[in-house]
Amino acid sequence: MVKIRLMRVGMKGAPSYRVVVAEAQSPRDGRIIENIGWYNPLTDPSTINIDGDRARHWLSVGAQPTESVQSLLIRSGIVSRPERAAAAATSAAEPAKKPAKK
């Protein structure tokens, strides 16, 4: 399975990340398929630079983004935010919790 994930670069104590496409089994900083952008959380506001065309291509062929990359894609406007109505419908379908025993 192919994943879109973060690869840590930068000095100790000053992290910066590359947004990469890699095999799920490869190590965090190991072999990558393609570098599609970068993310610097230390600037104010944090800097996100992702190639939207390449990200959409990889998503269309089945690459799965990690949670952190998914939030970066939403923040940069490449992917639309999921509908809240769908989330509310799934939580409403869950059974009510039993009251705590005394």
N, C-alpha and C. Protein backbone atom coordinates (compact mmCIF):
# COMPACT_ATOMS: atom_id res chain seq x y z
N MET A 1 0.84 -1.17 0.00
CA MET A 1 0.00 0.00 0.00
C MET A 1 0.89 1.24 0.00
N VAL A 2 0.49 2.24 -0.75
CA VAL A 2 1.23 3.49 -0.85
C VAL A 2 0.60 4.51 0.09
N LYS A 3 1.44 5.24 0.83
CA LYS A 3 0.97 6.25 1.76
C LYS A 3 1.59 7.60 1.44
N ILE A 4 0.84 8.65 1.73
CA ILE A 4 1.38 10.01 1.68
C ILE A 4 1.63 10.37 3.14
N ARG A 5 2.88 10.64 3.48
CA ARG A 5 3.22 10.87 4.88
C ARG A 5 4.34 11.89 5.01
N LEU A 6 4.67 12.21 6.26
CA LEU A 6 5.72 13.17 6.54
C LEU A 6 7.05 12.46 6.74
N MET A 7 8.12 13.09 6.26
CA MET A 7 9.48 12.59 6.45
C MET A 7 10.25 13.70 7.17
N ARG A 8 10.78 13.39 8.34
CA ARG A 8 11.44 14.42 9.14
C ARG A 8 12.82 14.75 8.58
N VAL A 9 13.09 16.05 8.46
CA VAL A 9 14.40 16.55 8.08
C VAL A 9 14.72 17.71 9.01
N GLY A 10 15.92 18.22 8.96
CA GLY A 10 16.28 19.36 9.79
C GLY A 10 17.12 18.94 10.98
N MET A 11 17.59 19.93 11.71
CA MET A 11 18.47 19.67 12.85
C MET A 11 17.68 19.18 14.06
N LYS A 12 18.42 18.67 15.03
CA LYS A 12 17.82 18.25 16.29
C LYS A 12 17.20 19.48 16.97
N GLY A 13 15.96 19.38 17.37
CA GLY A 13 15.28 20.49 18.01
C GLY A 13 14.67 21.48 17.05
N ALA A 14 14.92 21.35 15.78
CA ALA A 14 14.36 22.25 14.77
C ALA A 14 13.80 21.43 13.62
N PRO A 15 12.68 20.74 13.84
CA PRO A 15 12.17 19.85 12.81
C PRO A 15 11.56 20.60 11.63
N SER A 16 11.70 20.02 10.49
CA SER A 16 11.04 20.42 9.26
C SER A 16 10.65 19.11 8.59
N TYR A 17 9.62 19.12 7.79
CA TYR A 17 9.13 17.86 7.22
C TYR A 17 8.96 17.97 5.72
N ARG A 18 9.22 16.88 5.03
CA ARG A 18 8.88 16.75 3.62
C ARG A 18 7.61 15.93 3.54
N VAL A 19 6.73 16.29 2.63
CA VAL A 19 5.53 15.51 2.37
C VAL A 19 5.89 14.58 1.23
N VAL A 20 5.92 13.27 1.50
CA VAL A 20 6.40 12.30 0.52
C VAL A 20 5.38 11.19 0.28
N VAL A 21 5.54 10.54 -0.84
CA VAL A 21 4.77 9.34 -1.17
C VAL A 21 5.74 8.17 -1.01
N ALA A 22 5.35 7.18 -0.19
CA ALA A 22 6.24 6.06 0.09
C ALA A 22 5.43 4.80 0.33
N GLU A 23 6.09 3.67 0.21
CA GLU A 23 5.48 2.39 0.57
C GLU A 23 5.20 2.39 2.07
N ALA A 24 4.12 1.79 2.48
CA ALA A 24 3.75 1.78 3.90
C ALA A 24 4.78 1.05 4.75
N GLN A 25 5.46 0.04 4.22
CA GLN A 25 6.41 -0.75 4.99
C GLN A 25 7.80 -0.10 5.08
N SER A 26 8.07 0.91 4.28
CA SER A 26 9.40 1.52 4.33
C SER A 26 9.54 2.39 5.58
N PRO A 27 10.75 2.56 6.11
CA PRO A 27 10.95 3.36 7.32
C PRO A 27 10.56 4.82 7.13
N ARG A 28 10.36 5.53 8.23
CA ARG A 28 9.92 6.93 8.18
C ARG A 28 10.82 7.79 7.30
N ASP A 29 12.13 7.66 7.48
CA ASP A 29 13.07 8.46 6.70
C ASP A 29 13.76 7.62 5.62
N GLY A 30 13.13 6.53 5.21
CA GLY A 30 13.73 5.63 4.24
C GLY A 30 13.39 6.00 2.81
N ARG A 31 13.34 4.97 1.98
CA ARG A 31 13.13 5.14 0.55
C ARG A 31 11.75 5.73 0.25
N ILE A 32 11.71 6.70 -0.65
CA ILE A 32 10.46 7.33 -1.04
C ILE A 32 10.23 7.15 -2.53
N ILE A 33 8.97 7.32 -2.93
CA ILE A 33 8.62 7.25 -4.34
C ILE A 33 8.70 8.65 -4.95
N GLU A 34 8.13 9.64 -4.25
CA GLU A 34 8.13 11.01 -4.77
C GLU A 34 8.00 12.01 -3.63
N ASN A 35 8.69 13.13 -3.75
CA ASN A 35 8.58 14.23 -2.80
C ASN A 35 7.57 15.22 -3.39
N ILE A 36 6.45 15.47 -2.69
CA ILE A 36 5.42 16.35 -3.25
C ILE A 36 5.30 17.68 -2.51
N GLY A 37 6.11 17.91 -1.48
CA GLY A 37 6.02 19.19 -0.80
C GLY A 37 6.80 19.21 0.49
N TRP A 38 6.60 20.27 1.28
CA TRP A 38 7.26 20.38 2.56
C TRP A 38 6.38 21.15 3.54
N TYR A 39 6.72 21.02 4.84
CA TYR A 39 5.95 21.63 5.92
C TYR A 39 6.92 22.07 7.00
N ASN A 40 6.84 23.33 7.41
CA ASN A 40 7.68 23.86 8.47
C ASN A 40 6.79 24.36 9.60
N PRO A 41 6.70 23.60 10.71
CA PRO A 41 5.82 24.00 11.82
C PRO A 41 6.41 25.10 12.69
N LEU A 42 7.68 25.46 12.53
CA LEU A 42 8.33 26.42 13.42
C LEU A 42 8.08 27.87 13.04
N THR A 43 7.68 28.14 11.82
CA THR A 43 7.38 29.52 11.43
C THR A 43 6.02 29.91 11.99
N ASP A 44 5.77 31.21 12.07
CA ASP A 44 4.48 31.66 12.60
C ASP A 44 3.81 32.53 11.55
N PRO A 45 2.75 32.12 10.88
CA PRO A 45 2.11 30.80 10.94
C PRO A 45 2.94 29.73 10.23
N SER A 46 2.62 28.49 10.52
CA SER A 46 3.39 27.39 9.92
C SER A 46 3.28 27.42 8.40
N THR A 47 4.36 27.03 7.74
CA THR A 47 4.45 27.09 6.28
C THR A 47 4.14 25.73 5.69
N ILE A 48 3.20 25.71 4.76
CA ILE A 48 2.83 24.48 4.06
C ILE A 48 2.97 24.73 2.56
N ASN A 49 3.74 23.89 1.89
CA ASN A 49 3.94 24.01 0.45
C ASN A 49 3.81 22.61 -0.15
N ILE A 50 2.64 22.32 -0.74
CA ILE A 50 2.38 21.01 -1.32
C ILE A 50 1.93 21.19 -2.77
N ASP A 51 2.49 20.39 -3.68
CA ASP A 51 2.10 20.40 -5.09
C ASP A 51 0.72 19.75 -5.20
N GLY A 52 -0.29 20.57 -5.40
CA GLY A 52 -1.67 20.10 -5.42
C GLY A 52 -1.96 19.09 -6.52
N ASP A 53 -1.41 19.31 -7.71
CA ASP A 53 -1.65 18.39 -8.82
C ASP A 53 -1.11 16.99 -8.51
N ARG A 54 0.12 16.92 -8.00
CA ARG A 54 0.71 15.62 -7.68
C ARG A 54 -0.02 14.96 -6.51
N ALA A 55 -0.45 15.73 -5.51
CA ALA A 55 -1.19 15.16 -4.38
C ALA A 55 -2.52 14.58 -4.86
N ARG A 56 -3.23 15.31 -5.70
CA ARG A 56 -4.50 14.80 -6.23
C ARG A 56 -4.28 13.55 -7.08
N HIS A 57 -3.18 13.53 -7.86
CA HIS A 57 -2.87 12.35 -8.66
C HIS A 57 -2.69 11.12 -7.76
N TRP A 58 -1.87 11.26 -6.72
CA TRP A 58 -1.61 10.12 -5.86
C TRP A 58 -2.86 9.69 -5.10
N LEU A 59 -3.69 10.64 -4.70
CA LEU A 59 -4.95 10.28 -4.04
C LEU A 59 -5.88 9.55 -5.01
N SER A 60 -5.87 9.95 -6.28
CA SER A 60 -6.75 9.32 -7.27
C SER A 60 -6.33 7.89 -7.60
N VAL A 61 -5.04 7.58 -7.45
CA VAL A 61 -4.60 6.21 -7.74
C VAL A 61 -4.57 5.34 -6.48
N GLY A 62 -5.08 5.86 -5.36
CA GLY A 62 -5.25 5.02 -4.18
C GLY A 62 -4.30 5.22 -3.03
N ALA A 63 -3.45 6.23 -3.08
CA ALA A 63 -2.54 6.48 -1.95
C ALA A 63 -3.35 6.98 -0.76
N GLN A 64 -3.01 6.50 0.43
CA GLN A 64 -3.72 6.87 1.65
C GLN A 64 -2.90 7.88 2.44
N PRO A 65 -3.44 9.08 2.72
CA PRO A 65 -2.70 10.04 3.52
C PRO A 65 -2.80 9.69 5.01
N THR A 66 -1.73 9.99 5.76
CA THR A 66 -1.80 9.82 7.21
C THR A 66 -2.68 10.93 7.77
N GLU A 67 -3.03 10.85 9.06
CA GLU A 67 -3.90 11.86 9.66
C GLU A 67 -3.27 13.25 9.60
N SER A 68 -1.97 13.33 9.87
CA SER A 68 -1.30 14.64 9.85
C SER A 68 -1.25 15.21 8.44
N VAL A 69 -0.99 14.39 7.45
CA VAL A 69 -0.97 14.87 6.07
C VAL A 69 -2.37 15.23 5.62
N GLN A 70 -3.37 14.48 6.06
CA GLN A 70 -4.76 14.79 5.71
C GLN A 70 -5.11 16.19 6.21
N SER A 71 -4.71 16.52 7.44
CA SER A 71 -5.00 17.86 7.96
C SER A 71 -4.23 18.93 7.20
N LEU A 72 -3.00 18.64 6.77
CA LEU A 72 -2.24 19.60 5.96
C LEU A 72 -2.90 19.82 4.60
N LEU A 73 -3.40 18.75 4.00
CA LEU A 73 -4.08 18.86 2.70
C LEU A 73 -5.35 19.70 2.83
N ILE A 74 -6.07 19.54 3.94
CA ILE A 74 -7.27 20.34 4.17
C ILE A 74 -6.89 21.80 4.40
N ARG A 75 -5.87 22.04 5.22
CA ARG A 75 -5.45 23.42 5.53
C ARG A 75 -4.93 24.15 4.31
N SER A 76 -4.29 23.43 3.37
CA SER A 76 -3.77 24.07 2.17
C SER A 76 -4.82 24.16 1.06
N GLY A 77 -5.99 23.58 1.25
CA GLY A 77 -7.08 23.70 0.29
C GLY A 77 -7.05 22.70 -0.84
N ILE A 78 -6.22 21.69 -0.75
CA ILE A 78 -6.12 20.68 -1.81
C ILE A 78 -7.27 19.69 -1.72
N VAL A 79 -7.67 19.34 -0.50
CA VAL A 79 -8.77 18.42 -0.25
C VAL A 79 -9.83 19.17 0.54
N SER A 80 -11.09 18.93 0.23
CA SER A 80 -12.16 19.61 0.97
C SER A 80 -12.39 18.91 2.32
N ARG A 81 -12.85 19.70 3.26
CA ARG A 81 -13.13 19.19 4.61
C ARG A 81 -14.34 18.25 4.54
N PRO A 82 -14.29 17.13 5.26
CA PRO A 82 -15.44 16.22 5.26
C PRO A 82 -16.67 16.89 5.86
N GLU A 83 -17.82 16.51 5.40
CA GLU A 83 -19.08 17.09 5.87
C GLU A 83 -19.33 16.73 7.32
N ARG A 84 -19.77 17.69 8.10
CA ARG A 84 -20.10 17.43 9.50
C ARG A 84 -21.38 16.61 9.63
N ALA A 85 -22.29 16.74 8.68
CA ALA A 85 -23.53 15.99 8.72
C ALA A 85 -23.27 14.49 8.68
N ALA A 86 -22.29 14.07 7.90
CA ALA A 86 -21.95 12.64 7.81
C ALA A 86 -21.39 12.17 9.14
N ALA A 87 -20.57 12.98 9.78
CA ALA A 87 -20.01 12.61 11.07
C ALA A 87 -21.10 12.56 12.14
N ALA A 88 -22.05 13.49 12.09
CA ALA A 88 -23.13 13.51 13.07
C ALA A 88 -24.05 12.30 12.87
N ALA A 89 -24.26 11.90 11.62
CA ALA A 89 -25.12 10.75 11.36
C ALA A 89 -24.50 9.47 11.90
N THR A 90 -23.20 9.32 11.79
CA THR A 90 -22.56 8.11 12.30
C THR A 90 -22.56 8.09 13.81
N SER A 91 -22.40 9.24 14.46
CA SER A 91 -22.41 9.26 15.92
C SER A 91 -23.83 9.05 16.44
N ALA A 92 -24.86 9.49 15.70
CA ALA A 92 -26.23 9.28 16.12
C ALA A 92 -26.63 7.81 15.99
N ALA A 93 -25.99 7.09 15.08
CA ALA A 93 -26.32 5.69 14.87
C ALA A 93 -25.74 4.80 15.96
N GLU A 94 -24.76 5.31 16.73
CA GLU A 94 -24.16 4.51 17.78
C GLU A 94 -25.15 4.37 18.94
N PRO A 95 -25.19 3.21 19.60
CA PRO A 95 -26.10 3.04 20.73
C PRO A 95 -25.68 3.91 21.91
N ALA A 96 -26.67 4.27 22.72
CA ALA A 96 -26.39 5.12 23.88
C ALA A 96 -25.59 4.31 24.91
N LYS A 97 -24.71 5.00 25.64
CA LYS A 97 -23.90 4.34 26.65
C LYS A 97 -24.74 4.07 27.90
N LYS A 98 -24.41 2.99 28.57
CA LYS A 98 -25.11 2.64 29.81
C LYS A 98 -24.68 3.60 30.91
N PRO A 99 -25.60 3.94 31.81
CA PRO A 99 -25.23 4.82 32.91
C PRO A 99 -24.25 4.12 33.86
N ALA A 100 -23.39 4.91 34.49
CA ALA A 100 -22.39 4.36 35.41
C ALA A 100 -23.06 3.79 36.65
N LYS A 101 -22.51 2.67 37.16
CA LYS A 101 -23.05 2.05 38.37
C LYS A 101 -22.60 2.83 39.57
N LYS A 102 -23.44 2.84 40.60
CA LYS A 102 -23.12 3.55 41.84
C LYS A 102 -22.36 2.69 42.79
